[in-house]
C-alpha atoms as a PDB file:
ATOM      1  CA  MET A   1     113.286  56.132 115.187  1.00  0.00           C
ATOM      2  CA  GLU A   2     111.614  57.213 111.668  1.00  0.00           C
ATOM      3  CA  CYS A   3     111.235  60.988 113.145  1.00  0.00           C
ATOM      4  CA  ARG A   4     114.768  61.583 113.355  1.00  0.00           C
ATOM      5  CA  ALA A   5     116.051  58.971 110.599  1.00  0.00           C
ATOM      6  CA  GLY A   6     113.083  58.807 108.288  1.00  0.00           C
ATOM      7  CA  GLU A   7     114.993  60.599 105.372  1.00  0.00           C
ATOM      8  CA  ARG A   8     117.777  58.767 105.379  1.00  0.00           C
ATOM      9  CA  LEU A   9     115.715  55.647 105.659  1.00  0.00           C
ATOM     10  CA  ALA A  10     113.709  56.473 102.830  1.00  0.00           C
ATOM     11  CA  LYS A  11     116.706  56.982 100.690  1.00  0.00           C
ATOM     12  CA  SER A  12     118.056  53.879 101.814  1.00  0.00           C
ATOM     13  CA  GLY A  13     114.776  51.681  99.804  1.00  0.00           C
ATOM     14  CA  TYR A  14     113.066  51.487 103.537  1.00  0.00           C
ATOM     15  CA  GLU A  15     109.659  52.030 103.639  1.00  0.00           C
ATOM     16  CA  ALA A  16     108.432  54.097 106.220  1.00  0.00           C
ATOM     17  CA  GLN A  17     105.685  52.224 108.985  1.00  0.00           C
ATOM     18  CA  TYR A  18     103.550  55.269 109.203  1.00  0.00           C
ATOM     19  CA  ALA A  19     102.798  58.029 106.876  1.00  0.00           C
ATOM     20  CA  THR A  20     103.338  61.312 109.787  1.00  0.00           C
ATOM     21  CA  PRO A  21     106.045  59.943 111.689  1.00  0.00           C
ATOM     22  CA  ARG A  22     105.549  62.025 115.325  1.00  0.00           C
ATOM     23  CA  GLU A  23     108.202  62.385 117.988  1.00  0.00           C
ATOM     24  CA  PRO A  24     107.837  60.481 121.310  1.00  0.00           C
ATOM     25  CA  GLY A  25     105.805  62.233 124.509  1.00  0.00           C
ATOM     26  CA  VAL A  26     107.273  63.075 127.961  1.00  0.00           C
ATOM     27  CA  PHE A  27     106.460  60.015 129.562  1.00  0.00           C
ATOM     28  CA  GLU A  28     107.034  57.753 126.477  1.00  0.00           C
ATOM     29  CA  ARG A  29     110.311  59.390 126.770  1.00  0.00           C
ATOM     30  CA  LEU A  30     110.528  58.715 130.250  1.00  0.00           C
ATOM     31  CA  GLY A  31     109.586  55.187 129.988  1.00  0.00           C
ATOM     32  CA  LEU A  32     111.843  54.590 127.227  1.00  0.00           C
ATOM     33  CA  GLU A  33     114.607  56.226 129.323  1.00  0.00           C
ATOM     34  CA  ILE A  34     114.421  53.913 132.256  1.00  0.00           C
ATOM     35  CA  GLN A  35     113.484  50.713 130.264  1.00  0.00           C
ATOM     36  CA  ASN A  36     117.396  51.728 128.722  1.00  0.00           C
ATOM     37  CA  ARG A  37     119.100  51.642 132.159  1.00  0.00           C
ATOM     38  CA  LEU A  38     117.075  48.863 133.337  1.00  0.00           C
ATOM     39  CA  ALA A  39     118.600  47.034 130.108  1.00  0.00           C
ATOM     40  CA  ARG A  40     122.139  48.636 130.892  1.00  0.00           C
ATOM     41  CA  PHE A  41     121.880  47.323 134.008  1.00  0.00           C
ATOM     42  CA  SER A  42     121.155  44.170 133.265  1.00  0.00           C
ATOM     43  CA  PHE A  43     123.941  43.698 130.731  1.00  0.00           C
ATOM     44  CA  ARG A  44     126.112  44.392 133.384  1.00  0.00           C
ATOM     45  CA  ARG A  45     124.889  42.691 135.944  1.00  0.00           C
ATOM     46  CA  ARG A  46     124.756  39.253 133.780  1.00  0.00           C
ATOM     47  CA  ARG A  47     128.501  40.201 132.354  1.00  0.00           C
ATOM     48  CA  TYR A  48     130.314  41.319 135.345  1.00  0.00           C
ATOM     49  CA  GLY A  49     128.574  40.678 138.685  1.00  0.00           C
ATOM     50  CA  ILE A  50     126.860  42.627 141.169  1.00  0.00           C
ATOM     51  CA  ARG A  51     130.500  42.927 143.171  1.00  0.00           C
ATOM     52  CA  LEU A  52     132.563  43.938 140.377  1.00  0.00           C
ATOM     53  CA  TRP A  53     129.847  46.396 139.195  1.00  0.00           C
ATOM     54  CA  PHE A  54     129.051  47.650 142.787  1.00  0.00           C
ATOM     55  CA  ALA A  55     132.719  48.412 143.067  1.00  0.00           C
ATOM     56  CA  ILE A  56     133.218  50.241 140.137  1.00  0.00           C
ATOM     57  CA  MET A  57     130.327  52.621 140.881  1.00  0.00           C
ATOM     58  CA  PHE A  58     131.387  52.768 144.529  1.00  0.00           C
ATOM     59  CA  SER A  59     134.951  53.729 143.452  1.00  0.00           C
ATOM     60  CA  ASN A  60     134.001  56.569 140.592  1.00  0.00           C
ATOM     61  CA  ARG A  61     131.411  57.821 143.206  1.00  0.00           C
ATOM     62  CA  PHE A  62     133.704  58.030 146.277  1.00  0.00           C
ATOM     63  CA  GLY A  63     137.116  58.527 144.172  1.00  0.00           C
ATOM     64  CA  LEU A  64     138.549  56.114 145.593  1.00  0.00           C
ATOM     65  CA  VAL A  65     141.593  55.181 143.099  1.00  0.00           C
ATOM     66  CA  SER A  66     143.299  52.281 143.813  1.00  0.00           C
ATOM     67  CA  MET A  67     139.857  50.532 144.090  1.00  0.00           C
ATOM     68  CA  ARG A  68     138.986  51.629 141.016  1.00  0.00           C
ATOM     69  CA  LYS A  69     141.965  50.625 139.351  1.00  0.00           C
ATOM     70  CA  LYS A  70     141.482  47.080 140.497  1.00  0.00           C
ATOM     71  CA  ALA A  71     137.729  46.865 139.016  1.00  0.00           C
ATOM     72  CA  GLN A  72     138.749  47.983 136.257  1.00  0.00           C
ATOM     73  CA  LEU A  73     141.601  45.555 135.731  1.00  0.00           C
ATOM     74  CA  ALA A  74     139.109  42.862 136.327  1.00  0.00           C
ATOM     75  CA  LYS A  75     136.304  43.992 134.380  1.00  0.00           C
ATOM     76  CA  ASN A  76     139.267  44.604 131.571  1.00  0.00           C
ATOM     77  CA  ALA A  77     140.123  40.549 131.638  1.00  0.00           C
ATOM     78  CA  ILE A  78     136.412  39.937 131.529  1.00  0.00           C
ATOM     79  CA  ASP A  79     135.746  42.439 128.360  1.00  0.00           C
ATOM     80  CA  ARG A  80     138.816  40.789 127.012  1.00  0.00           C
ATOM     81  CA  GLN A  81     137.210  37.287 127.125  1.00  0.00           C
ATOM     82  CA  HIS A  82     134.201  38.693 125.230  1.00  0.00           C
ATOM     83  CA  LEU A  83     135.739  40.268 122.126  1.00  0.00           C
ATOM     84  CA  LYS A  84     135.971  38.221 118.580  1.00  0.00           C
END
């Protein structure tokens, strides 16, 4: 993060963690991308359940409009419960 936002962090008064920030390598980026996907999947699985998550993914992939609308309404109801 310091590689991209280091200057802005320094202007805001934060100390740099490393003297010379570095870009993540190819394998590190791949690992971060996989970790991000798994974390997003896990969050959605906990919040919406496997059944609703699968219905949304399946309807999107195969263009099933009526199934997508029903799944989206159910998802919106769950999201409304979590709004503050």
